[in-house]
N, C-alpha and C. Protein backbone atom coordinates (compact mmCIF):
# COMPACT_ATOMS: atom_id res chain seq x y z
N MET A 1 11.94 -46.26 -0.66
CA MET A 1 12.36 -45.23 0.10
C MET A 1 12.33 -43.40 0.46
N LYS A 2 13.66 -44.38 -1.32
CA LYS A 2 14.93 -43.48 -1.45
C LYS A 2 13.85 -41.83 -2.52
N ARG A 3 13.35 -42.87 -3.41
CA ARG A 3 12.26 -42.12 -4.49
C ARG A 3 11.31 -41.47 -2.94
N LEU A 4 10.37 -41.55 -2.64
CA LEU A 4 9.73 -41.64 -2.21
C LEU A 4 10.25 -40.25 -1.34
N ILE A 5 11.52 -40.04 0.06
CA ILE A 5 11.62 -39.54 0.28
C ILE A 5 11.97 -38.21 -0.70
N TYR A 6 12.51 -38.14 -2.10
CA TYR A 6 12.61 -37.32 -3.01
C TYR A 6 11.71 -36.94 -3.26
N LEU A 7 9.70 -37.42 -3.57
CA LEU A 7 9.12 -37.12 -3.82
C LEU A 7 8.48 -35.58 -3.11
N PHE A 8 8.54 -36.64 -2.08
CA PHE A 8 8.32 -35.47 -0.39
C PHE A 8 9.04 -34.03 -0.51
N ILE A 9 10.27 -34.12 -1.35
CA ILE A 9 11.00 -32.53 -1.30
C ILE A 9 10.86 -32.08 -2.92
N VAL A 10 10.59 -32.72 -3.27
CA VAL A 10 10.17 -32.02 -4.13
C VAL A 10 9.17 -30.85 -4.50
N LEU A 11 7.86 -32.39 -3.79
CA LEU A 11 6.41 -31.58 -3.67
C LEU A 11 6.63 -30.24 -2.95
N LEU A 12 7.22 -30.79 -1.71
CA LEU A 12 7.81 -29.71 -0.01
C LEU A 12 7.96 -28.36 -1.65
N ALA A 13 8.91 -29.01 -2.07
CA ALA A 13 9.56 -27.33 -2.94
C ALA A 13 8.74 -26.67 -3.63
N VAL A 14 7.70 -27.69 -4.27
CA VAL A 14 7.04 -27.13 -5.38
C VAL A 14 5.81 -25.92 -4.64
N TYR A 15 4.92 -26.58 -3.69
CA TYR A 15 4.35 -25.82 -2.62
C TYR A 15 5.24 -24.29 -2.06
N SER A 16 6.24 -24.90 -1.28
CA SER A 16 6.12 -23.00 -1.24
C SER A 16 7.32 -22.06 -2.29
N CYS A 17 7.27 -22.90 -3.00
CA CYS A 17 6.97 -21.60 -3.86
C CYS A 17 6.23 -21.37 -4.93
N GLU A 18 4.94 -22.16 -4.67
CA GLU A 18 3.48 -21.90 -5.30
C GLU A 18 3.05 -20.96 -3.92
N ASN A 19 3.19 -20.74 -2.61
CA ASN A 19 2.47 -19.89 -1.24
C ASN A 19 3.53 -18.37 -1.68
N ASP A 20 5.47 -18.58 -1.99
CA ASP A 20 5.38 -17.49 -1.83
C ASP A 20 4.54 -16.36 -3.86
N ARG A 21 3.91 -16.62 -4.29
CA ARG A 21 3.58 -15.62 -5.00
C ARG A 21 1.87 -16.28 -5.76
N GLU A 22 1.37 -15.95 -4.11
CA GLU A 22 0.26 -15.73 -4.11
C GLU A 22 0.02 -14.23 -3.63
N LYS A 23 -0.86 -14.08 -3.99
CA LYS A 23 -1.38 -12.68 -4.03
C LYS A 23 -1.73 -12.51 -2.61
N VAL A 24 -1.76 -10.56 -2.57
CA VAL A 24 -2.82 -10.16 -1.08
C VAL A 24 -3.80 -9.09 -1.85
N GLU A 25 -4.83 -8.43 -1.06
CA GLU A 25 -5.46 -7.72 -1.54
C GLU A 25 -4.38 -6.45 -0.60
N VAL A 26 -4.42 -4.62 -1.81
CA VAL A 26 -4.20 -3.81 -1.12
C VAL A 26 -4.39 -2.56 -1.11
N ARG A 27 -4.30 -2.50 -0.53
CA ARG A 27 -5.84 -1.30 -0.10
C ARG A 27 -4.52 0.39 0.24
N TYR A 28 -4.44 1.36 -1.01
CA TYR A 28 -3.94 2.67 -0.30
C TYR A 28 -5.28 3.32 0.06
N GLN A 29 -5.36 4.38 1.47
CA GLN A 29 -6.39 4.72 1.73
C GLN A 29 -5.63 6.65 1.86
N ILE A 30 -7.19 7.10 2.09
CA ILE A 30 -6.50 8.68 2.44
C ILE A 30 -7.55 8.65 2.79
N SER A 31 -8.09 10.14 4.42
CA SER A 31 -8.68 10.27 5.08
C SER A 31 -7.74 12.05 5.35
N ASN A 32 -9.27 12.38 6.90
CA ASN A 32 -8.39 13.69 7.71
C ASN A 32 -8.01 14.55 6.40
N ALA A 33 -8.64 14.43 5.45
CA ALA A 33 -8.02 16.25 4.93
C ALA A 33 -9.22 16.83 4.50
N TYR A 34 -9.01 18.19 4.08
CA TYR A 34 -9.64 19.39 3.66
C TYR A 34 -9.90 20.04 3.02
N SER A 35 -8.54 19.25 2.05
CA SER A 35 -7.99 20.84 0.51
C SER A 35 -7.71 19.67 -0.06
N PRO A 36 -7.15 20.07 -1.37
CA PRO A 36 -6.50 19.84 -2.29
C PRO A 36 -4.79 19.20 -2.09
N VAL A 37 -5.06 17.96 -1.79
CA VAL A 37 -4.21 16.66 -1.91
C VAL A 37 -3.20 16.09 -2.85
N ASP A 38 -2.05 16.30 -3.07
CA ASP A 38 -1.39 15.50 -4.89
C ASP A 38 -1.01 14.88 -3.78
N VAL A 39 -1.03 13.14 -4.31
CA VAL A 39 -0.62 11.68 -4.10
C VAL A 39 0.37 10.76 -5.07
N LYS A 40 0.70 10.38 -4.65
CA LYS A 40 1.59 8.98 -6.00
C LYS A 40 1.77 8.34 -4.81
N TYR A 41 1.53 7.21 -5.68
CA TYR A 41 2.11 5.98 -5.62
C TYR A 41 2.10 5.27 -6.76
N LYS A 42 2.51 3.36 -6.01
CA LYS A 42 2.51 2.59 -6.45
C LYS A 42 1.54 2.01 -7.23
N ASN A 43 0.43 1.10 -8.90
CA ASN A 43 -0.43 1.42 -8.95
C ASN A 43 0.07 -0.02 -9.15
N ALA A 44 -1.68 -0.76 -9.87
CA ALA A 44 -0.88 -2.80 -9.53
C ALA A 44 -0.77 -2.65 -10.91
N ASP A 45 0.25 -1.65 -11.48
CA ASP A 45 1.17 -2.69 -12.65
C ASP A 45 2.72 -1.75 -11.59
N GLY A 46 2.60 -1.55 -10.67
CA GLY A 46 5.04 -0.93 -10.55
C GLY A 46 5.26 -0.11 -10.66
N ASN A 47 3.64 0.53 -12.14
CA ASN A 47 4.09 2.85 -12.21
C ASN A 47 3.96 3.01 -10.73
N VAL A 48 4.37 5.20 -10.80
CA VAL A 48 4.19 5.18 -9.99
C VAL A 48 3.88 6.40 -10.54
N VAL A 49 2.00 6.48 -10.38
CA VAL A 49 1.56 7.47 -10.47
C VAL A 49 0.93 8.24 -9.93
N GLY A 50 0.80 9.42 -10.80
CA GLY A 50 0.50 11.73 -9.63
C GLY A 50 -0.58 11.73 -9.66
N GLU A 51 -1.04 12.32 -8.39
CA GLU A 51 -2.88 12.87 -9.17
C GLU A 51 -3.36 13.74 -7.97
N THR A 52 -3.98 14.76 -8.50
CA THR A 52 -4.09 15.82 -7.24
C THR A 52 -5.64 15.47 -6.76
N ILE A 53 -6.04 14.94 -5.73
CA ILE A 53 -7.60 14.21 -5.16
C ILE A 53 -7.85 15.84 -4.44
N ILE A 54 -9.37 16.32 -4.75
CA ILE A 54 -9.88 17.62 -4.20
C ILE A 54 -9.88 17.00 -2.93
N PHE A 55 -10.22 17.36 -1.72
CA PHE A 55 -11.00 16.95 -0.41
C PHE A 55 -11.31 18.24 0.13
N GLU A 56 -12.60 18.31 0.31
CA GLU A 56 -13.30 18.77 0.92
C GLU A 56 -14.31 18.99 1.96
N SER A 57 -14.21 17.74 2.94
CA SER A 57 -14.44 18.06 3.97
C SER A 57 -13.51 16.78 4.87
N ALA A 58 -12.95 16.67 6.00
CA ALA A 58 -12.24 15.20 6.99
C ALA A 58 -12.78 14.25 6.93
N GLU A 59 -14.59 14.45 6.26
CA GLU A 59 -14.67 13.24 5.88
C GLU A 59 -14.04 12.38 4.85
N ASP A 60 -14.25 13.46 4.21
CA ASP A 60 -14.28 13.00 3.05
C ASP A 60 -12.87 11.40 2.88
N SER A 61 -12.72 10.31 1.88
CA SER A 61 -11.82 9.57 2.34
C SER A 61 -10.67 9.27 0.77
N TRP A 62 -10.24 8.45 0.53
CA TRP A 62 -9.91 8.32 -1.62
C TRP A 62 -9.60 7.07 -1.15
N GLN A 63 -9.91 6.05 -1.18
CA GLN A 63 -8.72 5.03 -1.80
C GLN A 63 -8.74 4.13 -3.26
N TYR A 64 -7.57 3.68 -3.21
CA TYR A 64 -7.88 2.57 -4.01
C TYR A 64 -6.89 1.41 -3.77
N SER A 65 -7.61 0.26 -4.31
CA SER A 65 -7.22 -1.31 -4.36
C SER A 65 -6.67 -2.63 -5.39
N PHE A 66 -5.53 -3.58 -4.91
CA PHE A 66 -5.74 -3.86 -6.09
C PHE A 66 -4.79 -4.59 -5.70
N GLU A 67 -4.42 -6.07 -6.25
CA GLU A 67 -4.14 -7.25 -6.13
C GLU A 67 -2.09 -7.51 -6.51
N LYS A 68 -1.72 -8.21 -5.65
CA LYS A 68 -0.45 -7.76 -6.04
C LYS A 68 -0.05 -9.22 -5.11
N GLU A 69 1.16 -9.48 -5.08
CA GLU A 69 2.37 -11.09 -4.67
C GLU A 69 2.69 -11.04 -3.87
N ARG A 70 3.13 -10.76 -2.78
CA ARG A 70 3.10 -11.21 -2.08
C ARG A 70 5.32 -10.80 -1.65
N GLY A 71 6.01 -9.98 -1.37
CA GLY A 71 7.55 -9.73 -2.02
C GLY A 71 7.95 -7.91 -2.86
N GLU A 72 6.31 -7.68 -3.10
CA GLU A 72 6.05 -7.02 -3.87
C GLU A 72 6.33 -5.08 -3.13
N ILE A 73 7.44 -3.83 -3.88
CA ILE A 73 7.09 -2.86 -3.08
C ILE A 73 6.14 -2.44 -3.29
N VAL A 74 4.94 -1.74 -1.96
CA VAL A 74 4.15 -0.56 -2.29
C VAL A 74 4.51 0.63 -1.57
N TYR A 75 3.91 1.56 -2.36
CA TYR A 75 4.61 2.95 -2.23
C TYR A 75 3.53 4.19 -2.00
N LEU A 76 3.20 4.60 -0.89
CA LEU A 76 1.82 5.97 -1.20
C LEU A 76 2.94 7.07 0.21
N SER A 77 2.92 8.35 -1.21
CA SER A 77 3.03 9.14 -0.36
C SER A 77 1.91 10.47 -0.79
N ALA A 78 1.53 11.70 0.25
CA ALA A 78 1.40 13.05 -0.48
C ALA A 78 1.38 13.75 0.00
N ARG A 79 1.31 15.28 -0.24
CA ARG A 79 1.24 15.99 0.26
C ARG A 79 0.56 17.71 0.92
N TYR A 80 -0.03 17.80 0.92
CA TYR A 80 -0.76 19.52 1.20
C TYR A 80 -0.75 20.25 1.17
N SER A 81 -0.83 21.73 1.18
CA SER A 81 -0.62 22.62 0.72
C SER A 81 -1.38 24.23 1.55
N ASP A 82 -2.27 23.61 2.11
CA ASP A 82 -3.35 24.63 3.05
C ASP A 82 -2.75 24.13 4.30
N SER A 83 -2.43 25.00 5.44
CA SER A 83 -1.56 25.28 6.11
C SER A 83 -2.85 24.62 7.38
N THR A 84 -3.37 25.31 7.50
CA THR A 84 -4.95 24.42 8.51
C THR A 84 -5.28 23.11 8.12
N SER A 85 -5.03 22.51 7.37
CA SER A 85 -5.35 21.32 6.83
C SER A 85 -4.62 19.78 8.12
N SER A 86 -5.13 18.83 7.23
CA SER A 86 -4.23 17.83 7.14
C SER A 86 -4.17 16.24 6.75
N VAL A 87 -3.85 15.24 6.81
CA VAL A 87 -4.18 13.83 6.05
C VAL A 87 -2.82 12.69 7.28
N LYS A 88 -3.94 11.62 6.34
CA LYS A 88 -3.66 10.27 7.28
C LYS A 88 -3.12 9.17 6.34
N LEU A 89 -2.53 8.49 6.33
CA LEU A 89 -2.12 7.20 5.01
C LEU A 89 -2.20 6.34 5.28
N MET A 90 -2.59 5.28 4.98
CA MET A 90 -2.47 4.10 5.23
C MET A 90 -2.12 3.14 4.31
N ILE A 91 -1.30 1.74 4.48
CA ILE A 91 -1.01 1.21 3.45
C ILE A 91 -2.27 -0.28 4.10
N ILE A 92 -3.30 -0.72 2.87
CA ILE A 92 -3.77 -2.05 4.38
C ILE A 92 -3.21 -3.27 3.73
N ILE A 93 -3.28 -3.98 3.95
CA ILE A 93 -3.29 -5.61 3.32
C ILE A 93 -3.56 -7.21 3.67
N ASP A 94 -4.42 -7.09 3.02
CA ASP A 94 -5.70 -8.02 3.55
C ASP A 94 -6.15 -8.33 4.33
N GLY A 95 -6.57 -6.71 4.80
CA GLY A 95 -7.89 -5.67 5.66
C GLY A 95 -6.88 -5.39 7.16
N LYS A 96 -6.27 -5.65 6.91
CA LYS A 96 -4.96 -5.67 8.62
C LYS A 96 -4.54 -4.65 8.59
N VAL A 97 -4.86 -2.89 9.15
CA VAL A 97 -3.03 -2.01 8.71
C VAL A 97 -1.73 -2.47 8.96
N TYR A 98 -0.93 -2.63 7.40
CA TYR A 98 1.10 -2.80 7.95
C TYR A 98 1.55 -1.46 7.67
N LYS A 99 1.36 -0.03 7.27
CA LYS A 99 2.04 1.49 7.39
C LYS A 99 0.97 2.16 7.55
N GLN A 100 1.06 3.36 7.40
CA GLN A 100 0.07 4.34 8.31
C GLN A 100 1.80 6.07 8.57
N GLY A 101 1.18 6.92 8.28
CA GLY A 101 1.55 7.96 9.01
C GLY A 101 0.56 8.94 8.77
N SER A 102 0.95 10.29 9.38
CA SER A 102 -0.04 11.58 8.82
C SER A 102 0.74 12.54 9.49
N SER A 103 0.29 13.77 9.08
CA SER A 103 0.29 15.48 9.41
C SER A 103 -0.80 16.33 9.67
N VAL A 104 0.26 16.91 10.05
CA VAL A 104 -0.94 18.00 10.96
C VAL A 104 -0.48 19.42 11.35
N ASN A 105 -1.07 19.87 9.61
CA ASN A 105 -0.76 21.95 10.06
C ASN A 105 0.82 22.01 9.47
N GLU A 106 1.38 20.43 8.20
CA GLU A 106 2.88 20.67 8.74
C GLU A 106 2.46 20.70 6.92
N PRO A 107 2.19 21.83 5.69
CA PRO A 107 1.73 22.57 4.31
C PRO A 107 2.57 21.55 3.78
N GLU A 108 3.17 21.91 2.90
CA GLU A 108 4.28 21.46 1.84
C GLU A 108 4.98 20.18 2.48
N LYS A 109 4.82 19.38 2.65
CA LYS A 109 6.22 18.32 3.80
C LYS A 109 5.45 17.08 3.01
N TYR A 110 6.01 16.40 2.68
CA TYR A 110 5.34 14.85 1.68
C TYR A 110 5.79 13.60 3.17
N ILE A 111 4.16 13.08 3.31
CA ILE A 111 4.60 12.19 4.37
C ILE A 111 4.58 10.84 3.33
N THR A 112 5.27 10.13 3.67
CA THR A 112 5.17 9.32 2.50
C THR A 112 5.17 7.33 3.43
N ILE A 113 4.76 6.56 3.04
CA ILE A 113 4.61 5.31 3.65
C ILE A 113 5.01 4.18 2.55
N SER A 114 5.85 3.43 3.13
CA SER A 114 6.61 2.12 1.66
C SER A 114 7.12 0.87 2.34
N GLY A 115 6.79 0.39 1.87
CA GLY A 115 7.31 -1.30 2.08
C GLY A 115 7.32 -2.38 1.52
N THR A 116 7.24 -3.56 1.87
CA THR A 116 8.06 -4.36 1.09
C THR A 116 6.94 -5.48 1.72
N ILE A 117 5.80 -6.08 0.90
CA ILE A 117 4.35 -6.77 1.15
C ILE A 117 5.25 -8.39 1.94
N PRO A 118 5.01 -8.48 3.33
CA PRO A 118 5.76 -9.65 3.32
C PRO A 118 4.76 -10.69 3.02
N TYR A 119 6.50 -11.64 3.78
CA TYR A 119 5.48 -12.62 3.15
C TYR A 119 4.47 -13.89 3.94
């Protein structure tokens, strides 16, 4: 009986560890901008990447998707220069909004959202 209980505990521990490593879909999304936006984000490899995205209307959007393990850090930051522009940032995990932030008529100010992918 003790062996059966020990085996059950070991199997439960192995199952729990495997679930902790479960990958989720992460999507960064930027919208509501109508001028160039400087973007920095943590990519699938864990590196921080910077680029400029050209938005021509508020209907344009930018997305970047990848898979990552739970417990990993996600990071998205953006800044615009046009004093009449705006920007909306979202981090979406498995189809649900995890974090979001926005800015209207606040040029040269970085809007940053980040966090740890929940278990």
